[in-house]
């Protein structure tokens, strides 16, 4: 029993020491650190207007939305506190509520607005001009857990922050009342940058966190791991925690190069004395530069997102066309159409559905979707409701597939070229755009 008491005291001394000191010294105001590096790195002091490309002719909310930064991680690791710190919202009426207990139960979207305004999730989903209208498919229970906050902040003119509920391993999805992982996947698919935040006391990986990293598969270039509250640890303990973090995440991130890990303390209070303050500051500046690079490359990233979506649409159209053609080839006067198509859907490899796509088109085998997904797809969408691609061509309008091919191979790469990112940036006015410097690609490590 005495050993358990001693162990409890040890854990209490390590668990959230920042909050423990705050509770002991509630009447003593902690010194705040200098914020000048945030304004400098993110260029918040410059008077140049933000580029609002949402005023172009394209009006779809998802295409014209600002870059999105998504915050994920276990509960009470400092996600909301980090957002408050980056935006300078602490001790203001705009700040997100924080605490040692699980405090964020909603998906909170922070956007720019002329004045402080709270928008209910049902209103966000109903507004087709916003990029969040597709979230309505997750049901009313989720929309009650979605909230938008408009804040008059210069950084939010250029980026949107999304704060998520902390992962609690002993809670099942059913207890949340909505498909938590599906909602996370929706935001992951649209995020330009994903901050996965940990703190030294929450490095264990449970089923829900493991599922989250499965959903992040293929998005490694957007992931940034943050070891927060680092100034609460002595040097030796910090090294051990850093190693433990990699050990915990290694089975979940199976890539040649691991994601970038930032080690610092993202909150307004000054760093603890006798810690690596200079290191933490440099790590923070590196993260801010990473964030700024995403903002600067927002048009490039948006075009890449549209092209990626077009490739998926093209592959889906080819597969549905192949399923339909196979169905028609196997149908006879005496055939039972339902049984014929069930045989095709149950075993598409027997009819060379996917192999034919690979053989006759330039589709990569790594881009092909899961075969099982088409069982569900055709369960909802009868095969009889589709037409062959060859029947969707007209003399004046051309062919549907040809338009997508032209967008993928010519038009969208041409847009990148017009931004000075293609092979002929000399066509731009270099006096205004500074063509001498090639913008950094956030997908390539420097």
Foldseek 3Di string as FASTA:
>chain_A
DVVVVVVVVVVVLQQPVVVVVCVVVVVDDFAFDDDVLLCVLLVQVDPDDDDQPCPDPDQQQLLRDFAEEEEAEAAQLCPQQLVCLSQVPPPHPQGDDHDNDQDQLAWEKEAADPAWDKDQLVRQLVDRSHNCVVVCVFDDLNSNRYMYIHHHTSSRVQYMYIYHGGDDQVDDCVVSVTNRLVVLLVCLLRHQAYEYEHELVPLADHDVNLSNLVSCPPVQLRYEYEHAPLLSDAPVSSVVSVVSNCVRCVVSDPDPDHHHYQYAHRHGGQRDPPHPRVSRVVSVSVVSNLVSLCSVCVVVVSLVSVLVVLLLVLLVLLLLLLLLVLLVVPDDPPDDSVVSSVVCLVCVVVVCSPVVCVVPHVDDPVSDDDSPVVVVVCVVPPSVVDDHQVVQADPVPGGPSVVSVCCNPPVSQVVCVCVLNDDCSVVDDCVPVVSVDHRDDSSDDD
